[in-house]
Amino acid sequence: KNVAEIQGSLQINCCAKCGRHYDGYEI
């Protein structure tokens, strides 16, 4: 549960155009 992904991960996702976040690796 407590994980610090200091380089980010495939759970942290962002639209390159508007910046909206889509968190979670299932995407």
PDB file of all heavy atoms in Angstrom:
ATOM      1  N   LYS A   1       0.814  -1.218   0.000  1.00  0.00           N
ATOM      2  CA  LYS A   1       0.000   0.000   0.000  1.00  0.00           C
ATOM      3  C   LYS A   1       0.847   1.268   0.000  1.00  0.00           C
ATOM      4  O   LYS A   1       0.468   2.268  -0.598  1.00  0.00           O
ATOM      5  CB  LYS A   1      -0.917   0.006   1.229  1.00  0.00           C
ATOM      6  CG  LYS A   1      -1.828  -1.213   1.351  1.00  0.00           C
ATOM      7  CD  LYS A   1      -2.745  -1.368   0.160  1.00  0.00           C
ATOM      8  CE  LYS A   1      -3.673  -2.565   0.337  1.00  0.00           C
ATOM      9  NZ  LYS A   1      -4.517  -2.781  -0.867  1.00  0.00           N
ATOM     10  N   ASN A   2       1.979   1.232   0.693  1.00  0.00           N
ATOM     11  CA  ASN A   2       2.818   2.418   0.828  1.00  0.00           C
ATOM     12  C   ASN A   2       4.037   2.288  -0.077  1.00  0.00           C
ATOM     13  O   ASN A   2       5.052   1.694   0.294  1.00  0.00           O
ATOM     14  CB  ASN A   2       3.250   2.603   2.284  1.00  0.00           C
ATOM     15  CG  ASN A   2       2.081   2.851   3.206  1.00  0.00           C
ATOM     16  OD1 ASN A   2       1.130   3.551   2.856  1.00  0.00           O
ATOM     17  ND2 ASN A   2       2.115   2.264   4.382  1.00  0.00           N
ATOM     18  N   VAL A   3       3.932   2.839  -1.277  1.00  0.00           N
ATOM     19  CA  VAL A   3       4.994   2.743  -2.267  1.00  0.00           C
ATOM     20  C   VAL A   3       5.296   4.136  -2.806  1.00  0.00           C
ATOM     21  O   VAL A   3       4.395   4.820  -3.301  1.00  0.00           O
ATOM     22  CB  VAL A   3       4.604   1.815  -3.434  1.00  0.00           C
ATOM     23  CG1 VAL A   3       5.775   1.667  -4.403  1.00  0.00           C
ATOM     24  CG2 VAL A   3       4.145   0.459  -2.923  1.00  0.00           C
ATOM     25  N   ALA A   4       6.551   4.546  -2.698  1.00  0.00           N
ATOM     26  CA  ALA A   4       6.986   5.831  -3.253  1.00  0.00           C
ATOM     27  C   ALA A   4       7.720   5.549  -4.562  1.00  0.00           C
ATOM     28  O   ALA A   4       8.873   5.099  -4.555  1.00  0.00           O
ATOM     29  CB  ALA A   4       7.893   6.562  -2.272  1.00  0.00           C
ATOM     30  N   GLU A   5       7.041   5.787  -5.675  1.00  0.00           N
ATOM     31  CA  GLU A   5       7.628   5.557  -6.998  1.00  0.00           C
ATOM     32  C   GLU A   5       8.294   6.858  -7.435  1.00  0.00           C
ATOM     33  O   GLU A   5       7.679   7.704  -8.086  1.00  0.00           O
ATOM     34  CB  GLU A   5       6.539   5.126  -7.982  1.00  0.00           C
ATOM     35  CG  GLU A   5       5.890   3.799  -7.592  1.00  0.00           C
ATOM     36  CD  GLU A   5       4.629   3.477  -8.383  1.00  0.00           C
ATOM     37  OE1 GLU A   5       3.836   4.400  -8.641  1.00  0.00           O
ATOM     38  OE2 GLU A   5       4.441   2.292  -8.714  1.00  0.00           O
ATOM     39  N   ILE A   6       9.565   7.020  -7.072  1.00  0.00           N
ATOM     40  CA  ILE A   6      10.192   8.338  -7.186  1.00  0.00           C
ATOM     41  C   ILE A   6      10.435   8.762  -8.632  1.00  0.00           C
ATOM     42  O   ILE A   6      10.632   9.951  -8.893  1.00  0.00           O
ATOM     43  CB  ILE A   6      11.496   8.423  -6.372  1.00  0.00           C
ATOM     44  CG1 ILE A   6      12.531   7.415  -6.866  1.00  0.00           C
ATOM     45  CG2 ILE A   6      11.209   8.241  -4.892  1.00  0.00           C
ATOM     46  CD1 ILE A   6      13.891   7.590  -6.200  1.00  0.00           C
ATOM     47  N   GLN A   7      10.428   7.831  -9.574  1.00  0.00           N
ATOM     48  CA  GLN A   7      10.509   8.191 -10.989  1.00  0.00           C
ATOM     49  C   GLN A   7       9.147   8.100 -11.667  1.00  0.00           C
ATOM     50  O   GLN A   7       9.055   8.085 -12.896  1.00  0.00           O
ATOM     51  CB  GLN A   7      11.503   7.287 -11.723  1.00  0.00           C
ATOM     52  CG  GLN A   7      12.958   7.603 -11.425  1.00  0.00           C
ATOM     53  CD  GLN A   7      13.896   6.774 -12.273  1.00  0.00           C
ATOM     54  OE1 GLN A   7      14.474   5.800 -11.815  1.00  0.00           O
ATOM     55  NE2 GLN A   7      14.053   7.162 -13.520  1.00  0.00           N
ATOM     56  N   GLY A   8       8.096   8.074 -10.855  1.00  0.00           N
ATOM     57  CA  GLY A   8       6.770   7.891 -11.409  1.00  0.00           C
ATOM     58  C   GLY A   8       6.599   6.446 -11.830  1.00  0.00           C
ATOM     59  O   GLY A   8       7.427   5.592 -11.554  1.00  0.00           O
ATOM     60  N   SER A   9       5.501   6.165 -12.520  1.00  0.00           N
ATOM     61  CA  SER A   9       5.259   4.802 -12.979  1.00  0.00           C
ATOM     62  C   SER A   9       4.148   4.823 -14.012  1.00  0.00           C
ATOM     63  O   SER A   9       3.607   5.885 -14.352  1.00  0.00           O
ATOM     64  CB  SER A   9       4.851   3.901 -11.801  1.00  0.00           C
ATOM     65  OG  SER A   9       3.517   4.171 -11.410  1.00  0.00           O
ATOM     66  N   LEU A  10       3.784   3.631 -14.468  1.00  0.00           N
ATOM     67  CA  LEU A  10       2.681   3.523 -15.417  1.00  0.00           C
ATOM     68  C   LEU A  10       1.328   3.631 -14.728  1.00  0.00           C
ATOM     69  O   LEU A  10       0.298   3.414 -15.347  1.00  0.00           O
ATOM     70  CB  LEU A  10       2.786   2.208 -16.188  1.00  0.00           C
ATOM     71  CG  LEU A  10       4.027   2.097 -17.072  1.00  0.00           C
ATOM     72  CD1 LEU A  10       4.080   0.741 -17.756  1.00  0.00           C
ATOM     73  CD2 LEU A  10       4.068   3.206 -18.112  1.00  0.00           C
ATOM     74  N   GLN A  11       1.343   4.012 -13.444  1.00  0.00           N
ATOM     75  CA  GLN A  11       0.102   4.345 -12.741  1.00  0.00           C
ATOM     76  C   GLN A  11      -0.200   5.837 -12.814  1.00  0.00           C
ATOM     77  O   GLN A  11      -1.289   6.261 -12.464  1.00  0.00           O
ATOM     78  CB  GLN A  11       0.203   3.947 -11.258  1.00  0.00           C
ATOM     79  CG  GLN A  11       0.420   2.478 -11.021  1.00  0.00           C
ATOM     80  CD  GLN A  11       0.282   2.105  -9.561  1.00  0.00           C
ATOM     81  OE1 GLN A  11      -0.816   1.808  -9.102  1.00  0.00           O
ATOM     82  NE2 GLN A  11       1.377   2.124  -8.840  1.00  0.00           N
ATOM     83  N   ILE A  12       0.796   6.620 -13.218  1.00  0.00           N
ATOM     84  CA  ILE A  12       0.658   8.077 -13.270  1.00  0.00           C
ATOM     85  C   ILE A  12       0.675   8.487 -14.737  1.00  0.00           C
ATOM     86  O   ILE A  12       1.717   8.481 -15.393  1.00  0.00           O
ATOM     87  CB  ILE A  12       1.797   8.773 -12.501  1.00  0.00           C
ATOM     88  CG1 ILE A  12       1.863   8.239 -11.066  1.00  0.00           C
ATOM     89  CG2 ILE A  12       1.620  10.289 -12.515  1.00  0.00           C
ATOM     90  CD1 ILE A  12       3.114   8.653 -10.316  1.00  0.00           C
ATOM     91  N   ASN A  13      -0.477   8.848 -15.265  1.00  0.00           N
ATOM     92  CA  ASN A  13      -0.614   9.112 -16.694  1.00  0.00           C
ATOM     93  C   ASN A  13      -1.278  10.460 -16.928  1.00  0.00           C
ATOM     94  O   ASN A  13      -2.143  10.875 -16.158  1.00  0.00           O
ATOM     95  CB  ASN A  13      -1.433   8.001 -17.348  1.00  0.00           C
ATOM     96  CG  ASN A  13      -0.926   6.627 -16.970  1.00  0.00           C
ATOM     97  OD1 ASN A  13       0.199   6.268 -17.279  1.00  0.00           O
ATOM     98  ND2 ASN A  13      -1.744   5.844 -16.277  1.00  0.00           N
ATOM     99  N   CYS A  14      -0.894  11.101 -18.015  1.00  0.00           N
ATOM    100  CA  CYS A  14      -1.361  12.463 -18.254  1.00  0.00           C
ATOM    101  C   CYS A  14      -1.607  12.687 -19.738  1.00  0.00           C
ATOM    102  O   CYS A  14      -0.858  12.196 -20.590  1.00  0.00           O
ATOM    103  CB  CYS A  14      -0.300  13.443 -17.744  1.00  0.00           C
ATOM    104  SG  CYS A  14      -0.736  15.180 -17.895  1.00  0.00           S
ATOM    105  N   CYS A  15      -2.652  13.437 -20.049  1.00  0.00           N
ATOM    106  CA  CYS A  15      -2.912  13.834 -21.436  1.00  0.00           C
ATOM    107  C   CYS A  15      -1.856  14.851 -21.866  1.00  0.00           C
ATOM    108  O   CYS A  15      -1.654  15.868 -21.196  1.00  0.00           O
ATOM    109  CB  CYS A  15      -4.306  14.427 -21.568  1.00  0.00           C
ATOM    110  SG  CYS A  15      -4.641  15.120 -23.222  1.00  0.00           S
ATOM    111  N   ALA A  16      -1.191  14.560 -22.966  1.00  0.00           N
ATOM    112  CA  ALA A  16      -0.149  15.459 -23.451  1.00  0.00           C
ATOM    113  C   ALA A  16      -0.714  16.782 -23.956  1.00  0.00           C
ATOM    114  O   ALA A  16       0.016  17.767 -24.081  1.00  0.00           O
ATOM    115  CB  ALA A  16       0.637  14.774 -24.567  1.00  0.00           C
ATOM    116  N   LYS A  17      -2.030  16.841 -24.205  1.00  0.00           N
ATOM    117  CA  LYS A  17      -2.642  18.048 -24.764  1.00  0.00           C
ATOM    118  C   LYS A  17      -3.253  18.946 -23.699  1.00  0.00           C
ATOM    119  O   LYS A  17      -2.950  20.135 -23.625  1.00  0.00           O
ATOM    120  CB  LYS A  17      -3.701  17.661 -25.792  1.00  0.00           C
ATOM    121  CG  LYS A  17      -4.331  18.827 -26.523  1.00  0.00           C
ATOM    122  CD  LYS A  17      -5.300  18.327 -27.600  1.00  0.00           C
ATOM    123  CE  LYS A  17      -5.953  19.484 -28.351  1.00  0.00           C
ATOM    124  NZ  LYS A  17      -6.901  18.990 -29.388  1.00  0.00           N
ATOM    125  N   CYS A  18      -4.089  18.380 -22.827  1.00  0.00           N
ATOM    126  CA  CYS A  18      -4.798  19.218 -21.848  1.00  0.00           C
ATOM    127  C   CYS A  18      -4.330  19.019 -20.409  1.00  0.00           C
ATOM    128  O   CYS A  18      -4.734  19.764 -19.523  1.00  0.00           O
ATOM    129  CB  CYS A  18      -6.302  19.000 -21.937  1.00  0.00           C
ATOM    130  SG  CYS A  18      -6.877  17.399 -21.293  1.00  0.00           S
ATOM    131  N   GLY A  19      -3.506  17.992 -20.169  1.00  0.00           N
ATOM    132  CA  GLY A  19      -2.961  17.774 -18.836  1.00  0.00           C
ATOM    133  C   GLY A  19      -3.840  16.969 -17.893  1.00  0.00           C
ATOM    134  O   GLY A  19      -3.480  16.796 -16.732  1.00  0.00           O
ATOM    135  N   ARG A  20      -4.970  16.488 -18.362  1.00  0.00           N
ATOM    136  CA  ARG A  20      -5.844  15.694 -17.502  1.00  0.00           C
ATOM    137  C   ARG A  20      -5.150  14.390 -17.110  1.00  0.00           C
ATOM    138  O   ARG A  20      -4.515  13.739 -17.929  1.00  0.00           O
ATOM    139  CB  ARG A  20      -7.149  15.381 -18.226  1.00  0.00           C
ATOM    140  CG  ARG A  20      -8.128  14.536 -17.411  1.00  0.00           C
ATOM    141  CD  ARG A  20      -9.466  14.401 -18.117  1.00  0.00           C
ATOM    142  NE  ARG A  20     -10.376  13.529 -17.394  1.00  0.00           N
ATOM    143  CZ  ARG A  20     -11.646  13.304 -17.744  1.00  0.00           C
ATOM    144  NH1 ARG A  20     -12.144  13.896 -18.819  1.00  0.00           N
ATOM    145  NH2 ARG A  20     -12.400  12.495 -17.025  1.00  0.00           N
ATOM    146  N   HIS A  21      -5.279  14.019 -15.825  1.00  0.00           N
ATOM    147  CA  HIS A  21      -4.629  12.807 -15.328  1.00  0.00           C
ATOM    148  C   HIS A  21      -5.544  11.588 -15.445  1.00  0.00           C
ATOM    149  O   HIS A  21      -6.752  11.675 -15.245  1.00  0.00           O
ATOM    150  CB  HIS A  21      -4.198  12.996 -13.869  1.00  0.00           C
ATOM    151  CG  HIS A  21      -2.793  13.483 -13.743  1.00  0.00           C
ATOM    152  ND1 HIS A  21      -1.730  12.659 -13.486  1.00  0.00           N
ATOM    153  CD2 HIS A  21      -2.268  14.738 -13.873  1.00  0.00           C
ATOM    154  CE1 HIS A  21      -0.613  13.371 -13.448  1.00  0.00           C
ATOM    155  NE2 HIS A  21      -0.910  14.631 -13.673  1.00  0.00           N
ATOM    156  N   TYR A  22      -4.922  10.462 -15.764  1.00  0.00           N
ATOM    157  CA  TYR A  22      -5.595   9.171 -15.812  1.00  0.00           C
ATOM    158  C   TYR A  22      -4.737   8.190 -15.001  1.00  0.00           C
ATOM    159  O   TYR A  22      -3.846   7.533 -15.538  1.00  0.00           O
ATOM    160  CB  TYR A  22      -5.733   8.692 -17.262  1.00  0.00           C
ATOM    161  CG  TYR A  22      -6.696   9.504 -18.086  1.00  0.00           C
ATOM    162  CD1 TYR A  22      -6.292  10.682 -18.717  1.00  0.00           C
ATOM    163  CD2 TYR A  22      -8.022   9.107 -18.226  1.00  0.00           C
ATOM    164  CE1 TYR A  22      -7.183  11.444 -19.456  1.00  0.00           C
ATOM    165  CE2 TYR A  22      -8.922   9.856 -18.977  1.00  0.00           C
ATOM    166  CZ  TYR A  22      -8.494  11.025 -19.585  1.00  0.00           C
ATOM    167  OH  TYR A  22      -9.385  11.777 -20.327  1.00  0.00           O
ATOM    168  N   ASP A  23      -4.957   8.139 -13.708  1.00  0.00           N
ATOM    169  CA  ASP A  23      -4.119   7.328 -12.846  1.00  0.00           C
ATOM    170  C   ASP A  23      -4.595   5.880 -12.813  1.00  0.00           C
ATOM    171  O   ASP A  23      -5.799   5.598 -12.864  1.00  0.00           O
ATOM    172  CB  ASP A  23      -4.081   7.907 -11.433  1.00  0.00           C
ATOM    173  CG  ASP A  23      -3.368   9.265 -11.398  1.00  0.00           C
ATOM    174  OD1 ASP A  23      -2.576   9.520 -12.325  1.00  0.00           O
ATOM    175  OD2 ASP A  23      -3.603  10.047 -10.469  1.00  0.00           O
ATOM    176  N   GLY A  24      -3.652   4.955 -12.735  1.00  0.00           N
ATOM    177  CA  GLY A  24      -3.938   3.531 -12.760  1.00  0.00           C
ATOM    178  C   GLY A  24      -3.304   2.886 -13.979  1.00  0.00           C
ATOM    179  O   GLY A  24      -3.358   3.431 -15.084  1.00  0.00           O
ATOM    180  N   TYR A  25      -2.693   1.714 -13.795  1.00  0.00           N
ATOM    181  CA  TYR A  25      -1.967   1.055 -14.882  1.00  0.00           C
ATOM    182  C   TYR A  25      -2.878   0.322 -15.862  1.00  0.00           C
ATOM    183  O   TYR A  25      -2.464  -0.039 -16.965  1.00  0.00           O
ATOM    184  CB  TYR A  25      -0.946   0.068 -14.310  1.00  0.00           C
ATOM    185  CG  TYR A  25      -1.528  -1.003 -13.424  1.00  0.00           C
ATOM    186  CD1 TYR A  25      -2.067  -2.172 -13.959  1.00  0.00           C
ATOM    187  CD2 TYR A  25      -1.554  -0.853 -12.037  1.00  0.00           C
ATOM    188  CE1 TYR A  25      -2.608  -3.147 -13.151  1.00  0.00           C
ATOM    189  CE2 TYR A  25      -2.089  -1.823 -11.212  1.00  0.00           C
ATOM    190  CZ  TYR A  25      -2.613  -2.974 -11.770  1.00  0.00           C
ATOM    191  OH  TYR A  25      -3.153  -3.938 -10.960  1.00  0.00           O
ATOM    192  N   GLU A  26      -4.146   0.081 -15.487  1.00  0.00           N
ATOM    193  CA  GLU A  26      -5.044  -0.688 -16.348  1.00  0.00           C
ATOM    194  C   GLU A  26      -5.279  -0.027 -17.708  1.00  0.00           C
ATOM    195  O   GLU A  26      -5.649  -0.689 -18.681  1.00  0.00           O
ATOM    196  CB  GLU A  26      -6.398  -0.889 -15.648  1.00  0.00           C
ATOM    197  CG  GLU A  26      -6.328  -1.716 -14.371  1.00  0.00           C
ATOM    198  CD  GLU A  26      -6.099  -3.188 -14.659  1.00  0.00           C
ATOM    199  OE1 GLU A  26      -6.273  -3.609 -15.825  1.00  0.00           O
ATOM    200  OE2 GLU A  26      -5.735  -3.920 -13.727  1.00  0.00           O
ATOM    201  N   ILE A  27      -5.050   1.278 -17.781  1.00  0.00           N
ATOM    202  CA  ILE A  27      -5.294   2.003 -19.033  1.00  0.00           C
ATOM    203  C   ILE A  27      -4.409   1.491 -20.168  1.00  0.00           C
ATOM    204  O   ILE A  27      -4.730   1.645 -21.349  1.00  0.00           O
ATOM    205  CB  ILE A  27      -5.082   3.522 -18.813  1.00  0.00           C
ATOM    206  CG1 ILE A  27      -5.656   4.315 -19.986  1.00  0.00           C
ATOM    207  CG2 ILE A  27      -3.608   3.849 -18.627  1.00  0.00           C
ATOM    208  CD1 ILE A  27      -5.656   5.808 -19.759  1.00  0.00           C
TER     209      ILE A  27
END
